[in-house]
Structures are given as structure tokens and as C-alpha cells.
Amino acid sequence: MAGTSQTASDDRGSSADDRPDAATEAFLAHRNLLFTVAYEMLGSAADAEDVLQETWLRWVEVDLDTVRDQRAYLVRIATRQALVRLRTLRRRRESYVGSWLPEPLLTAPDVAEDIELAESVSMAMLLVLETLTPTERAVFVLREVFDLEYDEIAGAVDKSPAAVRQIAHRARAHVAARRPRGVVSVAETRDALDAFQRAVETGDLQSLVDILAPDVVLLGDGGGIKQAVLRPILGADKVARVLTAGLGRIAGLAELRPAQVNGHPALILRLDGEIDTVVALRVDDGLITGLYAVRNPEKLSHMEREAPLRR
């Protein structure tokens, strides 16, 4: 979390030459990795930061002389804490108002350059991961994204390596049946985004329909705080009309700018200088197949600074 590095220094102290001690140094070295693991499991930066804090509190109690692989040990702690939190969040999301979408993150260009990382944190993939059980999600993320060995994952999820192999196989098949159709280049996504932005800003309904796939889906997340579509809108004509009607009401007041969100080109809509909506896209074969509009202000607090995603 934003204050975790400060917490680490305060709690453990520093040596005479102001270097962090071994526990603090190890934690800070892997902090961004731990945040990414927690975020991919939870879809929430705020909760991922809480997991980091809980991981730190447990890490400082560990006898480092007994730790063979500090990275694996830290990932195990973070995974266990994320699993506990994920099970609680699942129950809360059952009563969520409207569609639930992951918390969007402003990401640095190097995230987009890591194709596997960018795909794993995309809105589309995070929504696919929501369909897994908590343990399946943990196993899939640790194996497919972070390439941990089965015995390392077994220690994190309290299963045998044989059981983890079976869970990984099941989760992989489940995700394969639902994941985006293929890897799309950043350039292709940016071209679709540019065409989408032009159509929206000019109010050209036909141009908007032309860049949308016939089976496009629009999801909105207002969290019961901001107005948003409560159910998925399906089909190019319906989606285009909903978008032009909604944006038409704020024409001249809104500022629409491109940004890198979750490793992919996206749009940020500002009203009076404040972020009002983040619109992420899913693109297949040059057409937009998914639009994810996050308006819940509780999910937009991390959009003013780049998130530290790492593998």
C-alpha cells in the first residue's frame, strides 16, 4: 500500500548507515510483485494494499534464517491473506448494486510491453477470473501468470502438489473457454480506441456502430453511488444508442482523454477536472467486443498515479 514502505522502515528500524534491515529490504524488493498477486486475485487495489499490510505484519515475525526462498515465502503469505479476503468479498459482491467491475489501475507503458502481464490484468481477464473459485483463482494466477512451481503453490493454498495440478488443469480449461479470443496488439487496440473516441465526441451514431462488434457488451459500475447501467447492454445498436444518449447530456462539459489502464489503451472521462468515468475496452479482430465503464468513485482513487504492477 502507499504507506507500506514507510511502515516497514518505522517498524523494523534502520542500521547506522540508514540501510533497511534484512526483512524490510526483502519485503520492499518484492512489494510490487506481492501487490500484483493480490490485485489479480481480488480485482481491487484497495484490498490488495490491505493484503500487503497484513503480509508485512506476518513477515516481520518470521525467522529469516529458516527461509530458503524469500520471494516464494512472501508470495505464500500474501496468497493466504488474499484468499481469506477474497472469500469475504465474494459474499459482499452478491449484494452489490448493478454490475461489479474490477477497480481500474493507471499503468506504466512497461506493463503493456509485458504481453502476458497485460493480458492477466485486463478488465476482460479479471472478469473471467471472477468465475473461478477462490482456490482455483489463486492456483491459476500463481501458475499461469507468475510461473510458480506446483509445490510452491501447494504451500500457499494448503493443498498437496497433486491436488494443485488437478486444480490448475481445471482452472486452465475454465479460463480457456471464456478468455478473450486472442492476443491483440496495442496498436490494434489503440486504433479501435481512436475510432471509438472520434465517434463518441462527434456524436456520429453510425461510426460508433461500425467500430462495435455485433455482439458487443456494455457493463457499467456505479456501485449504487453514481448512475450506471444496472444490467449488461448487448448489441451494437443498443450500446451505441445508450452511449450517445448518455454522453449527449454532458456534451461540452466532459473531457475525454486516452490513458493506459490495466495494461491497455482506455479512456478517462473528466467532469470539472475530476475523474468521472474510466472506460476500458476489449478488442477482437479490430472491433470492440467489450466496454467496461467504471463510475463508482470508490474505485477511482488509484487513477491519479501509476500502479506498480510487476511479475
Protein backbone atom coordinates (compact mmCIF):
# COMPACT_ATOMS: atom_id res chain seq x y z
CA MET A 1 0.00 0.00 0.00
CA ALA A 2 1.07 3.61 -0.32
CA GLY A 3 2.37 3.66 3.24
CA THR A 4 3.73 0.13 3.43
CA SER A 5 7.33 1.08 2.70
CA GLN A 6 7.15 3.75 5.41
CA THR A 7 5.56 1.26 7.79
CA ALA A 8 8.34 -1.20 7.09
CA SER A 9 11.02 1.34 7.93
CA ASP A 10 9.26 2.56 11.06
CA ASP A 11 8.52 -0.91 12.45
CA ARG A 12 11.90 -2.50 11.88
CA GLY A 13 14.23 0.46 12.11
CA SER A 14 17.40 1.08 10.12
CA SER A 15 21.07 0.43 10.56
CA ALA A 16 23.55 3.16 11.34
CA ASP A 17 24.08 3.92 7.65
CA ASP A 18 20.29 4.18 7.09
CA ARG A 19 20.05 0.95 5.13
CA PRO A 20 16.89 -1.10 5.82
CA ASP A 21 17.28 -4.33 7.74
CA ALA A 22 17.06 -7.71 6.01
CA ALA A 23 13.30 -8.19 6.50
CA THR A 24 12.46 -4.71 5.27
CA GLU A 25 14.84 -4.99 2.33
CA ALA A 26 13.33 -8.31 1.22
CA PHE A 27 9.78 -7.03 1.56
CA LEU A 28 10.47 -3.86 -0.41
CA ALA A 29 12.29 -5.84 -3.10
CA HIS A 30 9.18 -7.93 -3.73
CA ARG A 31 6.49 -5.39 -2.82
CA ASN A 32 5.32 -4.69 -6.38
CA LEU A 33 5.14 -8.42 -7.14
CA LEU A 34 3.06 -9.00 -4.00
CA PHE A 35 0.72 -6.15 -4.90
CA THR A 36 0.22 -7.63 -8.37
CA VAL A 37 -0.52 -11.11 -6.99
CA ALA A 38 -3.07 -9.68 -4.56
CA TYR A 39 -4.67 -7.43 -7.17
CA GLU A 40 -5.06 -10.26 -9.68
CA MET A 41 -6.74 -12.37 -7.01
CA LEU A 42 -9.02 -9.61 -5.72
CA GLY A 43 -9.61 -7.15 -8.56
CA SER A 44 -9.27 -4.34 -6.05
CA ALA A 45 -6.24 -2.14 -5.43
CA ALA A 46 -7.55 -1.03 -2.04
CA ASP A 47 -7.91 -4.62 -0.87
CA ALA A 48 -4.55 -5.55 -2.42
CA GLU A 49 -2.92 -2.83 -0.34
CA ASP A 50 -4.60 -4.21 2.79
CA VAL A 51 -3.19 -7.63 1.91
CA LEU A 52 0.28 -6.09 1.66
CA GLN A 53 -0.08 -4.60 5.12
CA GLU A 54 -1.21 -7.95 6.55
CA THR A 55 1.65 -9.69 4.74
CA TRP A 56 4.17 -7.27 6.23
CA LEU A 57 2.85 -7.79 9.77
CA ARG A 58 3.32 -11.54 9.41
CA TRP A 59 6.64 -11.26 7.60
CA VAL A 60 8.33 -9.31 10.42
CA GLU A 61 7.56 -12.18 12.80
CA VAL A 62 9.38 -14.72 10.61
CA ASP A 63 12.86 -16.00 11.49
CA LEU A 64 14.67 -15.26 8.22
CA ASP A 65 17.30 -17.90 8.96
CA THR A 66 14.60 -20.52 8.37
CA VAL A 67 13.53 -19.09 5.00
CA ARG A 68 15.12 -20.72 1.95
CA ASP A 69 13.35 -18.64 -0.72
CA GLN A 70 12.18 -15.23 0.47
CA ARG A 71 10.20 -14.47 -2.69
CA ALA A 72 8.24 -17.72 -2.50
CA TYR A 73 7.66 -17.30 1.24
CA LEU A 74 6.32 -13.78 0.81
CA VAL A 75 4.07 -14.86 -2.06
CA ARG A 76 2.73 -17.66 0.13
CA ILE A 77 1.84 -15.24 2.92
CA ALA A 78 0.22 -12.78 0.51
CA THR A 79 -1.75 -15.53 -1.23
CA ARG A 80 -3.13 -16.85 2.04
CA GLN A 81 -4.20 -13.38 3.12
CA ALA A 82 -5.75 -12.70 -0.29
CA LEU A 83 -7.71 -15.97 -0.14
CA VAL A 84 -9.21 -15.02 3.23
CA ARG A 85 -10.18 -11.60 1.92
CA LEU A 86 -11.49 -12.96 -1.40
CA ARG A 87 -13.97 -15.26 0.31
CA THR A 88 -15.33 -12.30 2.27
CA LEU A 89 -15.50 -10.11 -0.81
CA ARG A 90 -17.41 -12.77 -2.74
CA ARG A 91 -20.20 -12.62 -0.15
CA ARG A 92 -20.32 -8.82 -0.31
CA ARG A 93 -20.46 -8.78 -4.10
CA GLU A 94 -23.63 -10.87 -4.04
CA SER A 95 -25.48 -7.76 -2.81
CA TYR A 96 -23.58 -5.26 -4.99
CA VAL A 97 -25.83 -2.77 -6.81
CA GLY A 98 -25.64 -3.40 -10.56
CA SER A 99 -22.66 -4.97 -12.32
CA TRP A 100 -19.44 -5.36 -10.35
CA LEU A 101 -16.28 -4.43 -12.26
CA PRO A 102 -12.64 -4.62 -11.15
CA GLU A 103 -11.00 -1.47 -9.84
CA PRO A 104 -9.18 0.13 -12.80
CA LEU A 105 -5.49 0.95 -12.48
CA LEU A 106 -3.43 3.53 -14.31
CA THR A 107 -0.44 1.56 -15.59
CA ALA A 108 3.01 2.39 -16.92
CA PRO A 109 4.00 1.65 -20.55
CA ASP A 110 6.21 -1.26 -19.46
CA VAL A 111 3.12 -3.18 -18.31
CA ALA A 112 1.76 -3.14 -21.88
CA GLU A 113 5.15 -4.36 -23.12
CA ASP A 114 4.81 -7.50 -20.98
CA ILE A 115 2.05 -9.11 -23.03
CA GLU A 116 1.28 -11.88 -20.53
CA LEU A 117 1.09 -9.47 -17.61
CA ALA A 118 -1.06 -7.01 -19.56
CA GLU A 119 -3.50 -9.76 -20.53
CA SER A 120 -3.68 -11.09 -16.98
CA VAL A 121 -4.67 -7.70 -15.51
CA SER A 122 -7.03 -6.66 -18.30
CA MET A 123 -10.63 -5.98 -17.35
CA ALA A 124 -11.78 -8.83 -19.56
CA MET A 125 -9.44 -11.36 -17.93
CA LEU A 126 -10.17 -10.20 -14.38
CA LEU A 127 -13.87 -10.75 -15.06
CA VAL A 128 -13.09 -14.26 -16.30
CA LEU A 129 -11.11 -14.91 -13.10
CA GLU A 130 -14.20 -13.89 -11.11
CA THR A 131 -15.90 -17.05 -12.39
CA LEU A 132 -13.32 -19.28 -10.68
CA THR A 133 -13.49 -20.46 -7.10
CA PRO A 134 -11.05 -18.65 -4.76
CA THR A 135 -8.64 -21.60 -4.71
CA GLU A 136 -8.84 -22.07 -8.49
CA ARG A 137 -8.13 -18.38 -8.95
CA ALA A 138 -5.10 -18.47 -6.67
CA VAL A 139 -3.68 -21.56 -8.39
CA PHE A 140 -4.28 -20.17 -11.88
CA VAL A 141 -2.71 -16.79 -11.08
CA LEU A 142 0.34 -18.26 -9.36
CA ARG A 143 0.96 -20.88 -12.05
CA GLU A 144 -0.04 -19.20 -15.30
CA VAL A 145 0.97 -15.62 -14.56
CA PHE A 146 3.84 -15.94 -12.08
CA ASP A 147 5.10 -19.38 -13.12
CA LEU A 148 5.43 -20.79 -9.59
CA GLU A 149 6.15 -24.48 -9.19
CA TYR A 150 3.34 -26.75 -8.04
CA ASP A 151 4.96 -27.46 -4.70
CA GLU A 152 5.32 -23.72 -4.03
CA ILE A 153 1.66 -23.17 -4.87
CA ALA A 154 0.69 -26.13 -2.69
CA GLY A 155 2.21 -24.39 0.32
CA ALA A 156 0.27 -21.22 -0.47
CA VAL A 157 -3.17 -22.83 -0.82
CA ASP A 158 -2.76 -25.69 1.71
CA LYS A 159 -3.18 -28.45 -0.87
CA SER A 160 -0.94 -31.28 -2.00
CA PRO A 161 1.08 -30.77 -5.20
CA ALA A 162 -1.02 -33.46 -6.88
CA ALA A 163 -4.23 -31.65 -5.94
CA VAL A 164 -2.79 -28.36 -7.18
CA ARG A 165 -2.02 -29.95 -10.56
CA GLN A 166 -5.65 -31.05 -10.88
CA ILE A 167 -6.95 -27.63 -9.81
CA ALA A 168 -4.60 -25.92 -12.28
CA HIS A 169 -5.81 -28.14 -15.11
CA ARG A 170 -9.45 -27.44 -14.26
CA ALA A 171 -8.90 -23.70 -13.90
CA ARG A 172 -6.90 -23.52 -17.14
CA ALA A 173 -9.70 -25.22 -19.09
CA HIS A 174 -12.32 -22.98 -17.49
CA VAL A 175 -10.40 -19.81 -18.38
CA ALA A 176 -9.57 -21.01 -21.90
CA ALA A 177 -13.27 -21.40 -22.65
CA ARG A 178 -14.02 -17.83 -21.53
CA ARG A 179 -10.89 -15.75 -22.09
CA PRO A 180 -10.52 -13.16 -24.88
CA ARG A 181 -10.24 -14.80 -28.28
CA GLY A 182 -6.60 -13.98 -28.81
CA VAL A 183 -3.80 -11.59 -28.01
CA VAL A 184 -4.48 -8.19 -29.59
CA SER A 185 -1.64 -5.80 -30.30
CA VAL A 186 -1.51 -2.47 -28.53
CA ALA A 187 -1.62 -0.75 -31.93
CA GLU A 188 -4.84 -2.55 -32.89
CA THR A 189 -6.46 -1.65 -29.59
CA ARG A 190 -5.32 1.97 -29.91
CA ASP A 191 -6.76 2.22 -33.43
CA ALA A 192 -10.11 0.93 -32.19
CA LEU A 193 -9.96 3.32 -29.25
CA ASP A 194 -9.21 6.30 -31.51
CA ALA A 195 -12.13 5.44 -33.78
CA PHE A 196 -14.38 4.99 -30.76
CA GLN A 197 -13.33 8.33 -29.26
CA ARG A 198 -13.91 10.20 -32.55
CA ALA A 199 -17.36 8.67 -32.93
CA VAL A 200 -18.32 9.50 -29.35
CA GLU A 201 -17.02 13.07 -29.49
CA THR A 202 -18.75 13.82 -32.81
CA GLY A 203 -21.96 12.03 -31.87
CA ASP A 204 -21.75 10.04 -35.10
CA LEU A 205 -24.02 7.11 -34.31
CA GLN A 206 -23.20 5.15 -37.47
CA SER A 207 -19.44 5.47 -36.96
CA LEU A 208 -19.91 4.26 -33.42
CA VAL A 209 -21.94 1.25 -34.58
CA ASP A 210 -19.26 0.50 -37.18
CA ILE A 211 -16.47 0.13 -34.57
CA LEU A 212 -18.59 -2.05 -32.28
CA ALA A 213 -18.83 -5.81 -32.80
CA PRO A 214 -22.40 -7.06 -33.40
CA ASP A 215 -22.27 -8.93 -30.07
CA VAL A 216 -20.59 -6.14 -28.08
CA VAL A 217 -21.47 -5.91 -24.38
CA LEU A 218 -21.50 -2.77 -22.25
CA LEU A 219 -21.08 -3.12 -18.48
CA GLY A 220 -21.36 -0.20 -16.08
CA ASP A 221 -20.33 0.01 -12.44
CA GLY A 222 -21.71 2.86 -10.37
CA GLY A 223 -21.77 0.90 -7.13
CA GLY A 224 -25.14 2.40 -6.23
CA ILE A 225 -23.37 5.77 -5.85
CA LYS A 226 -23.28 7.01 -9.45
CA GLN A 227 -25.82 6.35 -12.18
CA ALA A 228 -24.78 3.47 -14.44
CA VAL A 229 -26.45 0.75 -16.48
CA LEU A 230 -27.58 -1.85 -13.96
CA ARG A 231 -27.58 -4.76 -16.39
CA PRO A 232 -25.35 -5.63 -19.35
CA ILE A 233 -26.36 -3.94 -22.62
CA LEU A 234 -25.92 -6.26 -25.60
CA GLY A 235 -25.63 -5.49 -29.32
CA ALA A 236 -24.01 -2.71 -31.32
CA ASP A 237 -27.16 -0.69 -31.95
CA LYS A 238 -28.30 -0.71 -28.33
CA VAL A 239 -24.86 0.05 -26.95
CA ALA A 240 -24.31 2.89 -29.41
CA ARG A 241 -27.64 4.49 -28.53
CA VAL A 242 -27.03 4.22 -24.80
CA LEU A 243 -23.60 5.80 -25.15
CA THR A 244 -24.68 8.66 -27.40
CA ALA A 245 -27.66 9.43 -25.17
CA GLY A 246 -25.56 9.42 -22.01
CA LEU A 247 -22.66 11.42 -23.42
CA GLY A 248 -25.02 13.78 -25.21
CA ARG A 249 -26.29 15.01 -21.85
CA ILE A 250 -22.80 16.18 -20.85
CA ALA A 251 -21.60 17.38 -24.27
CA GLY A 252 -19.32 20.37 -23.89
CA LEU A 253 -18.72 19.65 -20.20
CA ALA A 254 -16.75 16.43 -20.41
CA GLU A 255 -13.12 15.91 -21.32
CA LEU A 256 -12.27 12.54 -22.83
CA ARG A 257 -8.60 11.54 -22.81
CA PRO A 258 -6.78 8.29 -23.67
CA ALA A 259 -4.71 6.53 -20.99
CA GLN A 260 -3.10 3.19 -20.22
CA VAL A 261 -5.46 1.32 -17.91
CA ASN A 262 -4.71 -2.23 -16.75
CA GLY A 263 -2.06 -2.53 -19.41
CA HIS A 264 -4.29 -1.49 -22.31
CA PRO A 265 -5.43 1.73 -24.02
CA ALA A 266 -8.57 3.14 -22.40
CA LEU A 267 -10.42 6.42 -21.97
CA ILE A 268 -10.77 8.64 -18.93
CA LEU A 269 -13.76 10.97 -18.80
CA ARG A 270 -13.38 14.04 -16.57
CA LEU A 271 -16.03 16.49 -15.43
CA ASP A 272 -14.84 19.77 -13.90
CA GLY A 273 -11.34 18.33 -13.84
CA GLU A 274 -12.32 15.31 -11.73
CA ILE A 275 -12.32 11.73 -12.99
CA ASP A 276 -15.94 10.72 -13.54
CA THR A 277 -15.65 7.50 -15.58
CA VAL A 278 -12.96 5.12 -16.75
CA VAL A 279 -13.86 3.24 -19.93
CA ALA A 280 -11.79 0.13 -20.65
CA LEU A 281 -12.14 -1.83 -23.89
CA ARG A 282 -11.88 -5.36 -25.12
CA VAL A 283 -10.98 -5.62 -28.80
CA ASP A 284 -11.19 -8.67 -31.04
CA ASP A 285 -10.47 -8.66 -34.79
CA GLY A 286 -10.36 -4.86 -34.89
CA LEU A 287 -13.79 -4.38 -33.32
CA ILE A 288 -14.77 -3.52 -29.77
CA THR A 289 -16.41 -6.54 -28.14
CA GLY A 290 -16.48 -5.28 -24.56
CA LEU A 291 -16.91 -1.88 -22.91
CA TYR A 292 -16.36 -1.58 -19.16
CA ALA A 293 -17.40 1.77 -17.69
CA VAL A 294 -16.39 2.25 -14.04
CA ARG A 295 -18.10 5.22 -12.35
CA ASN A 296 -18.08 4.12 -8.71
CA PRO A 297 -15.93 6.88 -7.12
CA GLU A 298 -14.65 4.43 -4.50
CA LYS A 299 -12.90 2.57 -7.34
CA LEU A 300 -11.28 5.59 -8.99
CA SER A 301 -8.94 6.79 -6.26
CA HIS A 302 -5.93 4.97 -7.76
CA MET A 303 -6.33 6.55 -11.19
CA GLU A 304 -4.22 9.62 -10.41
CA ARG A 305 -0.95 7.68 -10.13
CA GLU A 306 0.56 4.69 -11.87
CA ALA A 307 0.13 1.34 -10.14
CA PRO A 308 3.31 -0.71 -9.50
CA LEU A 309 2.48 -3.93 -11.35
CA ARG A 310 5.30 -6.45 -11.72
CA ARG A 311 5.85 -10.17 -12.29
